[in-house]
C-alpha atoms as a PDB file:
ATOM      1  CA  MET A   1      11.843  30.552  -8.428  1.00  0.00           C
ATOM      2  CA  TYR A   2       9.957  31.547 -11.564  1.00  0.00           C
ATOM      3  CA  GLN A   3       8.014  28.753 -13.236  1.00  0.00           C
ATOM      4  CA  LYS A   4       6.573  29.122 -16.727  1.00  0.00           C
ATOM      5  CA  PHE A   5       3.633  26.826 -17.438  1.00  0.00           C
ATOM      6  CA  LEU A   6       4.003  25.214 -20.892  1.00  0.00           C
ATOM      7  CA  GLY A   7       1.058  22.794 -21.022  1.00  0.00           C
ATOM      8  CA  LYS A   8      -0.244  19.428 -19.909  1.00  0.00           C
ATOM      9  CA  LEU A   9       0.405  15.815 -20.843  1.00  0.00           C
ATOM     10  CA  ILE A  10      -2.772  13.755 -20.431  1.00  0.00           C
ATOM     11  CA  LEU A  11      -2.352  10.005 -19.938  1.00  0.00           C
ATOM     12  CA  SER A  12      -5.580   8.003 -20.246  1.00  0.00           C
ATOM     13  CA  GLY A  13      -6.545   4.351 -20.503  1.00  0.00           C
ATOM     14  CA  GLN A  14      -8.086   1.666 -18.328  1.00  0.00           C
ATOM     15  CA  ILE A  15      -7.249  -0.065 -15.068  1.00  0.00           C
ATOM     16  CA  GLU A  16      -8.231  -3.728 -15.163  1.00  0.00           C
ATOM     17  CA  CYS A  17      -8.657  -5.735 -11.975  1.00  0.00           C
ATOM     18  CA  VAL A  18      -6.708  -8.943 -12.622  1.00  0.00           C
ATOM     19  CA  THR A  19      -7.842 -10.170  -9.210  1.00  0.00           C
ATOM     20  CA  SER A  20     -10.606  -8.853  -6.970  1.00  0.00           C
ATOM     21  CA  LEU A  21     -10.033  -5.382  -5.505  1.00  0.00           C
ATOM     22  CA  HIS A  22     -10.727  -4.008  -2.036  1.00  0.00           C
ATOM     23  CA  ILE A  23     -10.249  -0.321  -1.277  1.00  0.00           C
ATOM     24  CA  GLY A  24     -12.009   0.238   2.014  1.00  0.00           C
ATOM     25  CA  GLY A  25     -14.930   2.585   2.497  1.00  0.00           C
ATOM     26  CA  THR A  26     -16.908   3.808   5.488  1.00  0.00           C
ATOM     27  CA  THR A  27     -18.857   1.452   7.743  1.00  0.00           C
ATOM     28  CA  THR A  28     -21.217   4.212   8.925  1.00  0.00           C
ATOM     29  CA  GLY A  29     -24.819   3.105   8.788  1.00  0.00           C
ATOM     30  CA  ILE A  30     -24.116  -0.603   8.221  1.00  0.00           C
ATOM     31  CA  GLU A  31     -27.236  -2.608   8.961  1.00  0.00           C
ATOM     32  CA  ILE A  32     -27.389  -5.749  11.094  1.00  0.00           C
ATOM     33  CA  GLY A  33     -26.178  -8.637   8.953  1.00  0.00           C
ATOM     34  CA  GLY A  34     -24.444  -6.268   6.548  1.00  0.00           C
ATOM     35  CA  VAL A  35     -20.815  -6.320   5.462  1.00  0.00           C
ATOM     36  CA  ASP A  36     -18.573  -4.597   8.005  1.00  0.00           C
ATOM     37  CA  ASN A  37     -15.662  -4.329   5.555  1.00  0.00           C
ATOM     38  CA  PRO A  38     -17.133  -2.535   2.513  1.00  0.00           C
ATOM     39  CA  VAL A  39     -15.388  -1.000  -0.480  1.00  0.00           C
ATOM     40  CA  ILE A  40     -15.520   2.722  -1.152  1.00  0.00           C
ATOM     41  CA  LYS A  41     -18.419   3.752  -3.400  1.00  0.00           C
ATOM     42  CA  ASP A  42     -19.709   6.829  -5.183  1.00  0.00           C
ATOM     43  CA  PRO A  43     -22.579   8.040  -2.936  1.00  0.00           C
ATOM     44  CA  LEU A  44     -24.640   9.120  -5.956  1.00  0.00           C
ATOM     45  CA  THR A  45     -24.451   5.902  -8.002  1.00  0.00           C
ATOM     46  CA  ASP A  46     -23.448   3.355  -5.326  1.00  0.00           C
ATOM     47  CA  GLN A  47     -20.802   2.138  -7.768  1.00  0.00           C
ATOM     48  CA  PRO A  48     -17.248   1.327  -6.586  1.00  0.00           C
ATOM     49  CA  TYR A  49     -14.389   3.530  -7.709  1.00  0.00           C
ATOM     50  CA  ILE A  50     -10.650   3.893  -7.208  1.00  0.00           C
ATOM     51  CA  PRO A  51      -9.813   7.130  -5.347  1.00  0.00           C
ATOM     52  CA  GLY A  52      -7.076   9.162  -6.992  1.00  0.00           C
ATOM     53  CA  SER A  53      -5.461   9.539  -3.562  1.00  0.00           C
ATOM     54  CA  SER A  54      -5.140   5.745  -3.191  1.00  0.00           C
ATOM     55  CA  LEU A  55      -3.580   5.308  -6.633  1.00  0.00           C
ATOM     56  CA  LYS A  56      -1.243   8.296  -6.350  1.00  0.00           C
ATOM     57  CA  GLY A  57      -0.197   7.359  -2.835  1.00  0.00           C
ATOM     58  CA  LYS A  58       0.683   3.821  -3.907  1.00  0.00           C
ATOM     59  CA  LEU A  59       2.712   5.070  -6.889  1.00  0.00           C
ATOM     60  CA  ARG A  60       4.597   7.519  -4.683  1.00  0.00           C
ATOM     61  CA  HIS A  61       5.245   4.776  -2.125  1.00  0.00           C
ATOM     62  CA  ILE A  62       6.681   2.581  -4.891  1.00  0.00           C
ATOM     63  CA  CYS A  63       8.922   5.376  -6.199  1.00  0.00           C
ATOM     64  CA  GLU A  64      10.285   6.173  -2.743  1.00  0.00           C
ATOM     65  CA  TRP A  65      10.984   2.523  -1.917  1.00  0.00           C
ATOM     66  CA  SER A  66      12.545   1.814  -5.313  1.00  0.00           C
ATOM     67  CA  TYR A  67      15.034   4.674  -4.834  1.00  0.00           C
ATOM     68  CA  GLY A  68      15.757   3.835  -1.189  1.00  0.00           C
ATOM     69  CA  LEU A  69      14.244   7.049   0.149  1.00  0.00           C
ATOM     70  CA  ILE A  70      12.209   5.557   3.008  1.00  0.00           C
ATOM     71  CA  GLU A  71      13.789   6.289   6.382  1.00  0.00           C
ATOM     72  CA  LYS A  72      12.600   6.454   9.977  1.00  0.00           C
ATOM     73  CA  HIS A  73      11.211   9.875   9.162  1.00  0.00           C
ATOM     74  CA  PRO A  74      10.201   9.549   5.492  1.00  0.00           C
ATOM     75  CA  LYS A  75       9.242  13.227   5.165  1.00  0.00           C
ATOM     76  CA  HIS A  76      12.855  14.264   5.673  1.00  0.00           C
ATOM     77  CA  HIS A  77      14.699  13.060   2.576  1.00  0.00           C
ATOM     78  CA  SER A  78      18.376  13.646   1.912  1.00  0.00           C
ATOM     79  CA  TYR A  79      17.606  16.267  -0.713  1.00  0.00           C
ATOM     80  CA  GLN A  80      17.333  18.761   2.173  1.00  0.00           C
ATOM     81  CA  ALA A  81      21.101  18.678   2.584  1.00  0.00           C
ATOM     82  CA  TYR A  82      22.123  19.219  -1.033  1.00  0.00           C
ATOM     83  CA  ASP A  83      21.572  21.592  -3.869  1.00  0.00           C
ATOM     84  CA  CYS A  84      22.631  19.673  -6.984  1.00  0.00           C
ATOM     85  CA  HIS A  85      23.918  22.881  -8.592  1.00  0.00           C
ATOM     86  CA  GLU A  86      26.347  23.432  -5.712  1.00  0.00           C
ATOM     87  CA  LEU A  87      28.006  20.001  -5.953  1.00  0.00           C
ATOM     88  CA  LYS A  88      31.203  20.040  -7.953  1.00  0.00           C
ATOM     89  CA  SER A  89      31.818  17.783 -10.938  1.00  0.00           C
ATOM     90  CA  PRO A  90      33.580  15.422 -10.977  1.00  0.00           C
ATOM     91  CA  LEU A  91      32.364  14.499  -7.511  1.00  0.00           C
ATOM     92  CA  PRO A  92      35.217  14.154  -4.974  1.00  0.00           C
ATOM     93  CA  ASP A  93      34.292  10.724  -3.597  1.00  0.00           C
ATOM     94  CA  GLN A  94      31.869   7.833  -3.962  1.00  0.00           C
ATOM     95  CA  ASN A  95      29.901   8.699  -0.825  1.00  0.00           C
ATOM     96  CA  GLN A  96      29.083  12.158  -2.142  1.00  0.00           C
ATOM     97  CA  LYS A  97      28.134  10.626  -5.487  1.00  0.00           C
ATOM     98  CA  LYS A  98      25.759   8.273  -3.681  1.00  0.00           C
ATOM     99  CA  GLU A  99      24.151  11.153  -1.792  1.00  0.00           C
ATOM    100  CA  PHE A 100      23.939  13.211  -4.993  1.00  0.00           C
ATOM    101  CA  ASP A 101      22.103  10.368  -6.772  1.00  0.00           C
ATOM    102  CA  ARG A 102      19.788  10.055  -3.802  1.00  0.00           C
ATOM    103  CA  TRP A 103      19.138  13.801  -3.849  1.00  0.00           C
ATOM    104  CA  GLN A 104      18.244  13.620  -7.539  1.00  0.00           C
ATOM    105  CA  ALA A 105      15.815  10.743  -6.897  1.00  0.00           C
ATOM    106  CA  ALA A 106      14.148  12.585  -4.008  1.00  0.00           C
ATOM    107  CA  PHE A 107      13.988  15.756  -6.098  1.00  0.00           C
ATOM    108  CA  MET A 108      12.242  13.780  -8.863  1.00  0.00           C
ATOM    109  CA  VAL A 109       9.706  12.397  -6.372  1.00  0.00           C
ATOM    110  CA  GLY A 110       9.091  15.896  -5.015  1.00  0.00           C
ATOM    111  CA  ARG A 111       8.512  17.353  -8.462  1.00  0.00           C
ATOM    112  CA  LEU A 112       6.252  14.522  -9.643  1.00  0.00           C
ATOM    113  CA  PHE A 113       4.179  13.825  -6.515  1.00  0.00           C
ATOM    114  CA  GLY A 114       4.740  16.943  -4.422  1.00  0.00           C
ATOM    115  CA  ALA A 115       7.477  17.834  -1.945  1.00  0.00           C
ATOM    116  CA  ALA A 116       6.703  16.007   1.333  1.00  0.00           C
ATOM    117  CA  THR A 117       8.226  18.634   3.574  1.00  0.00           C
ATOM    118  CA  ASP A 118       7.283  21.881   5.297  1.00  0.00           C
ATOM    119  CA  ASP A 119      10.590  23.479   4.292  1.00  0.00           C
ATOM    120  CA  ASN A 120       9.591  26.379   2.022  1.00  0.00           C
ATOM    121  CA  GLU A 121      13.028  26.519   0.373  1.00  0.00           C
ATOM    122  CA  ILE A 122      12.820  22.878  -0.708  1.00  0.00           C
ATOM    123  CA  ARG A 123       9.209  23.260  -1.836  1.00  0.00           C
ATOM    124  CA  GLU A 124      10.216  26.269  -3.928  1.00  0.00           C
ATOM    125  CA  LYS A 125      13.069  24.349  -5.582  1.00  0.00           C
ATOM    126  CA  ALA A 126      10.802  21.413  -6.402  1.00  0.00           C
ATOM    127  CA  GLY A 127       8.132  23.733  -7.738  1.00  0.00           C
ATOM    128  CA  PRO A 128       4.462  22.881  -8.267  1.00  0.00           C
ATOM    129  CA  THR A 129       3.339  19.256  -8.048  1.00  0.00           C
ATOM    130  CA  ARG A 130       3.372  17.903 -11.601  1.00  0.00           C
ATOM    131  CA  LEU A 131       1.138  14.825 -11.313  1.00  0.00           C
ATOM    132  CA  THR A 132      -2.618  14.925 -10.813  1.00  0.00           C
ATOM    133  CA  VAL A 133      -4.413  11.567 -10.476  1.00  0.00           C
ATOM    134  CA  ARG A 134      -8.162  11.619 -11.085  1.00  0.00           C
ATOM    135  CA  ASP A 135     -10.627   9.335  -9.334  1.00  0.00           C
ATOM    136  CA  SER A 136     -11.174   6.240 -11.497  1.00  0.00           C
ATOM    137  CA  PHE A 137     -14.791   5.272 -12.121  1.00  0.00           C
ATOM    138  CA  LEU A 138     -16.131   2.177 -13.855  1.00  0.00           C
ATOM    139  CA  TYR A 139     -15.159   2.174 -17.528  1.00  0.00           C
ATOM    140  CA  GLN A 140     -18.107   3.247 -19.660  1.00  0.00           C
ATOM    141  CA  GLY A 141     -16.816   1.603 -22.828  1.00  0.00           C
ATOM    142  CA  LYS A 142     -16.443   3.026 -26.299  1.00  0.00           C
ATOM    143  CA  GLN A 143     -19.417   4.192 -28.314  1.00  0.00           C
ATOM    144  CA  GLY A 144     -21.728   1.248 -28.908  1.00  0.00           C
ATOM    145  CA  GLU A 145     -19.866  -0.832 -26.315  1.00  0.00           C
ATOM    146  CA  GLN A 146     -21.365  -2.019 -23.063  1.00  0.00           C
ATOM    147  CA  GLY A 147     -19.937  -0.348 -19.986  1.00  0.00           C
ATOM    148  CA  TRP A 148     -18.752  -2.161 -16.895  1.00  0.00           C
ATOM    149  CA  ALA A 149     -21.604  -0.943 -14.713  1.00  0.00           C
ATOM    150  CA  GLU A 150     -24.015  -2.788 -17.005  1.00  0.00           C
ATOM    151  CA  ARG A 151     -21.787  -5.850 -17.265  1.00  0.00           C
ATOM    152  CA  LEU A 152     -21.539  -6.231 -13.501  1.00  0.00           C
ATOM    153  CA  GLN A 153     -25.276  -5.885 -13.036  1.00  0.00           C
ATOM    154  CA  GLU A 154     -25.945  -8.518 -15.672  1.00  0.00           C
ATOM    155  CA  THR A 155     -23.896 -10.995 -13.648  1.00  0.00           C
ATOM    156  CA  LEU A 156     -24.570  -9.901 -10.069  1.00  0.00           C
ATOM    157  CA  GLY A 157     -28.099  -8.522 -10.330  1.00  0.00           C
ATOM    158  CA  ARG A 158     -29.697  -5.137 -10.831  1.00  0.00           C
ATOM    159  CA  GLY A 159     -28.127  -2.530  -8.550  1.00  0.00           C
ATOM    160  CA  PHE A 160     -25.205  -4.778  -7.543  1.00  0.00           C
ATOM    161  CA  PHE A 161     -21.628  -3.942  -8.536  1.00  0.00           C
ATOM    162  CA  THR A 162     -19.615  -5.899  -5.962  1.00  0.00           C
ATOM    163  CA  GLU A 163     -19.339  -9.363  -4.473  1.00  0.00           C
ATOM    164  CA  VAL A 164     -18.962 -10.503  -0.859  1.00  0.00           C
ATOM    165  CA  LYS A 165     -16.341 -13.052   0.104  1.00  0.00           C
ATOM    166  CA  THR A 166     -16.068 -14.653   3.540  1.00  0.00           C
ATOM    167  CA  GLU A 167     -12.505 -15.000   4.802  1.00  0.00           C
ATOM    168  CA  ASN A 168     -11.536 -17.050   7.853  1.00  0.00           C
ATOM    169  CA  ALA A 169      -8.984 -16.362  10.554  1.00  0.00           C
ATOM    170  CA  LEU A 170      -8.100 -19.632  12.306  1.00  0.00           C
ATOM    171  CA  ASP A 171      -6.988 -19.893  15.912  1.00  0.00           C
ATOM    172  CA  ARG A 172      -3.646 -21.730  15.703  1.00  0.00           C
ATOM    173  CA  VAL A 173      -4.294 -23.601  18.979  1.00  0.00           C
ATOM    174  CA  THR A 174      -8.009 -24.453  18.914  1.00  0.00           C
ATOM    175  CA  SER A 175      -8.539 -24.270  15.112  1.00  0.00           C
ATOM    176  CA  GLU A 176     -11.625 -22.175  15.821  1.00  0.00           C
ATOM    177  CA  ALA A 177     -12.731 -20.234  12.750  1.00  0.00           C
ATOM    178  CA  ASN A 178     -13.439 -16.516  12.895  1.00  0.00           C
ATOM    179  CA  PRO A 179     -15.205 -15.763   9.593  1.00  0.00           C
ATOM    180  CA  ARG A 180     -15.380 -12.186   8.342  1.00  0.00           C
ATOM    181  CA  PRO A 181     -17.156 -11.023   5.185  1.00  0.00           C
ATOM    182  CA  ILE A 182     -15.245  -8.649   2.914  1.00  0.00           C
ATOM    183  CA  GLU A 183     -16.724  -6.716  -0.008  1.00  0.00           C
ATOM    184  CA  LEU A 184     -14.777  -6.883  -3.273  1.00  0.00           C
ATOM    185  CA  VAL A 185     -14.846  -5.478  -6.784  1.00  0.00           C
ATOM    186  CA  PRO A 186     -14.922  -8.610  -8.993  1.00  0.00           C
ATOM    187  CA  ALA A 187     -11.870  -9.629 -11.012  1.00  0.00           C
ATOM    188  CA  GLY A 188     -12.084  -8.464 -14.614  1.00  0.00           C
ATOM    189  CA  SER A 189     -13.722  -5.124 -13.794  1.00  0.00           C
ATOM    190  CA  GLN A 190     -12.271  -2.107 -15.569  1.00  0.00           C
ATOM    191  CA  PHE A 191     -11.978   1.517 -14.445  1.00  0.00           C
ATOM    192  CA  GLU A 192     -11.143   4.733 -16.280  1.00  0.00           C
ATOM    193  CA  LEU A 193      -7.552   5.983 -15.945  1.00  0.00           C
ATOM    194  CA  SER A 194      -6.675   9.677 -16.081  1.00  0.00           C
ATOM    195  CA  PHE A 195      -3.297  11.153 -15.175  1.00  0.00           C
ATOM    196  CA  VAL A 196      -2.460  14.821 -15.808  1.00  0.00           C
ATOM    197  CA  ILE A 197       1.193  15.893 -15.836  1.00  0.00           C
ATOM    198  CA  ASP A 198       1.822  19.636 -15.765  1.00  0.00           C
ATOM    199  CA  ILE A 199       4.889  20.721 -17.729  1.00  0.00           C
ATOM    200  CA  TYR A 200       6.923  23.753 -16.641  1.00  0.00           C
ATOM    201  CA  ASP A 201      10.165  22.797 -18.362  1.00  0.00           C
ATOM    202  CA  PRO A 202      10.790  20.588 -21.406  1.00  0.00           C
ATOM    203  CA  GLU A 203      12.817  18.270 -19.160  1.00  0.00           C
ATOM    204  CA  ASP A 204       9.709  17.601 -17.041  1.00  0.00           C
ATOM    205  CA  LYS A 205       8.705  14.998 -19.631  1.00  0.00           C
ATOM    206  CA  GLN A 206      11.469  12.804 -18.201  1.00  0.00           C
ATOM    207  CA  LEU A 207       9.279  12.394 -15.105  1.00  0.00           C
ATOM    208  CA  LEU A 208       7.087  10.059 -17.157  1.00  0.00           C
ATOM    209  CA  ARG A 209       9.968   7.583 -17.286  1.00  0.00           C
ATOM    210  CA  ASP A 210       9.750   7.160 -13.501  1.00  0.00           C
ATOM    211  CA  LEU A 211       5.950   7.200 -13.610  1.00  0.00           C
ATOM    212  CA  PHE A 212       5.910   4.370 -16.173  1.00  0.00           C
ATOM    213  CA  ALA A 213       8.393   2.404 -14.034  1.00  0.00           C
ATOM    214  CA  ALA A 214       6.238   2.854 -10.911  1.00  0.00           C
ATOM    215  CA  MET A 215       3.158   1.727 -12.845  1.00  0.00           C
ATOM    216  CA  ARG A 216       5.022  -1.421 -13.970  1.00  0.00           C
ATOM    217  CA  ILE A 217       6.025  -2.211 -10.392  1.00  0.00           C
ATOM    218  CA  LEU A 218       2.445  -1.646  -9.227  1.00  0.00           C
ATOM    219  CA  GLU A 219       1.239  -4.230 -11.747  1.00  0.00           C
ATOM    220  CA  GLN A 220       3.417  -6.784  -9.931  1.00  0.00           C
ATOM    221  CA  SER A 221       2.385  -5.505  -6.507  1.00  0.00           C
ATOM    222  CA  SER A 222      -1.119  -4.748  -5.264  1.00  0.00           C
ATOM    223  CA  LEU A 223      -3.518  -1.848  -4.878  1.00  0.00           C
ATOM    224  CA  GLY A 224      -5.800  -1.523  -1.879  1.00  0.00           C
ATOM    225  CA  GLY A 225      -6.097  -3.932   1.025  1.00  0.00           C
ATOM    226  CA  SER A 226      -5.357  -7.639   1.495  1.00  0.00           C
ATOM    227  CA  GLY A 227      -2.749  -7.717  -1.269  1.00  0.00           C
ATOM    228  CA  SER A 228      -0.835 -10.527   0.429  1.00  0.00           C
ATOM    229  CA  ARG A 229      -4.012 -12.608   0.305  1.00  0.00           C
ATOM    230  CA  GLY A 230      -4.403 -12.287  -3.442  1.00  0.00           C
ATOM    231  CA  HIS A 231      -6.476  -9.137  -3.829  1.00  0.00           C
ATOM    232  CA  GLY A 232      -5.532  -5.943  -5.645  1.00  0.00           C
ATOM    233  CA  GLN A 233      -3.551  -7.090  -8.688  1.00  0.00           C
ATOM    234  CA  ILE A 234      -4.210  -4.642 -11.515  1.00  0.00           C
ATOM    235  CA  GLN A 235      -3.079  -4.004 -15.076  1.00  0.00           C
ATOM    236  CA  PHE A 236      -2.906  -0.753 -17.030  1.00  0.00           C
ATOM    237  CA  LYS A 237      -4.367  -1.112 -20.530  1.00  0.00           C
ATOM    238  CA  ASN A 238      -4.919   0.880 -23.736  1.00  0.00           C
ATOM    239  CA  LEU A 239      -2.706   3.787 -22.693  1.00  0.00           C
ATOM    240  CA  ASN A 240      -3.060   6.972 -24.705  1.00  0.00           C
ATOM    241  CA  LEU A 241      -0.976  10.147 -24.301  1.00  0.00           C
ATOM    242  CA  VAL A 242      -1.778  13.615 -25.659  1.00  0.00           C
ATOM    243  CA  TRP A 243      -0.078  16.997 -25.350  1.00  0.00           C
ATOM    244  CA  LYS A 244      -2.122  20.150 -24.704  1.00  0.00           C
ATOM    245  CA  SER A 245       0.029  23.248 -24.879  1.00  0.00           C
ATOM    246  CA  VAL A 246      -0.851  26.672 -23.491  1.00  0.00           C
ATOM    247  CA  GLN A 247      -1.560  27.706 -27.087  1.00  0.00           C
ATOM    248  CA  TYR A 248      -4.073  24.834 -27.369  1.00  0.00           C
ATOM    249  CA  TYR A 249      -6.026  26.164 -24.388  1.00  0.00           C
ATOM    250  CA  ARG A 250      -5.986  29.633 -25.982  1.00  0.00           C
ATOM    251  CA  GLY A 251      -7.397  28.209 -29.210  1.00  0.00           C
ATOM    252  CA  GLN A 252      -4.179  28.884 -31.130  1.00  0.00           C
ATOM    253  CA  ALA A 253      -2.937  25.297 -31.597  1.00  0.00           C
ATOM    254  CA  GLU A 254      -4.219  21.754 -31.980  1.00  0.00           C
ATOM    255  CA  LEU A 255      -4.082  18.860 -29.561  1.00  0.00           C
ATOM    256  CA  VAL A 256      -1.069  16.671 -30.319  1.00  0.00           C
ATOM    257  CA  SER A 257      -1.139  12.888 -29.905  1.00  0.00           C
ATOM    258  CA  VAL A 258       2.091  11.434 -28.504  1.00  0.00           C
ATOM    259  CA  VAL A 259       2.721   7.947 -29.867  1.00  0.00           C
ATOM    260  CA  ILE A 260       3.849   5.658 -27.054  1.00  0.00           C
ATOM    261  CA  PRO A 261       4.373   1.867 -27.110  1.00  0.00           C
ATOM    262  CA  GLU A 262       1.276  -0.205 -26.450  1.00  0.00           C
ATOM    263  CA  ASP A 263       2.434  -1.597 -23.099  1.00  0.00           C
ATOM    264  CA  LEU A 264       4.415  -0.252 -20.164  1.00  0.00           C
ATOM    265  CA  GLU A 265       7.377  -2.579 -20.641  1.00  0.00           C
ATOM    266  CA  LYS A 266       7.987  -1.208 -24.134  1.00  0.00           C
ATOM    267  CA  ALA A 267       7.208   2.327 -22.980  1.00  0.00           C
ATOM    268  CA  THR A 268      10.031   2.190 -20.425  1.00  0.00           C
ATOM    269  CA  LYS A 269      12.524   0.367 -22.653  1.00  0.00           C
ATOM    270  CA  GLU A 270      11.851   2.601 -25.673  1.00  0.00           C
ATOM    271  CA  PHE A 271      11.304   5.844 -23.744  1.00  0.00           C
ATOM    272  CA  ASP A 272      14.158   7.690 -25.472  1.00  0.00           C
ATOM    273  CA  GLN A 273      12.668   6.872 -28.891  1.00  0.00           C
ATOM    274  CA  ILE A 274       9.355   8.627 -28.133  1.00  0.00           C
ATOM    275  CA  GLN A 275       8.868  11.738 -30.271  1.00  0.00           C
ATOM    276  CA  TRP A 276       7.952  14.492 -27.819  1.00  0.00           C
ATOM    277  CA  PRO A 277       6.254  17.658 -29.162  1.00  0.00           C
ATOM    278  CA  ILE A 278       7.399  19.695 -26.158  1.00  0.00           C
END
């Protein structure tokens, strides 16, 4: 199916760690007495970061669960059985309506995050993956503002960007403690946020409605490991959205700022009032 690329919506901002964050890294080369549960770090700067794969995977997981798409074999969604253009309207019964709604939800997930199937026909219908999630590095701050790499080092010491917390697992019979150190990004730390949404059809902008909803759910869930023990609560802040059309990349048009509400709750509730330049 022919797809005409129209441009890109760029969503930027910051990710703030409301509680400490642990996204696991490699333990290769850990010295004796070192932490055996480290966070992932940039090998060049030794600074922690949030992998785009971790953030995108969590958002996709939230979308699939929220629409009831997770089954025993989650890669085989019900959209395989239906082509929405072939279903008649009005729908003949409630069961078919339910499956049609489920197909639409799975189709949305496939378009936004990528079709999780090896079926070439389904992949062709979904088209190219719309959402790209960049790796999130420590927020550098605005001009004249101190970045978070410097802030962390002021508190933790030169060359240190993380803290180590010792957690205990207690034997329920003997009460024997089994302490284990875990490396964490301290609460309050901020990372850069960069989402890129490719637009092939003006209706693709509606995918941001589901993206905003997934981001809201993630704020009340957790990112990374040990979420049930209090780690990984995050908040999206200072969101900014711009539109870069094909003409912009060719030097024939200007970048267009898209005014969105200042927080995700308003952005989802007032989505239909956003003035889209697409």
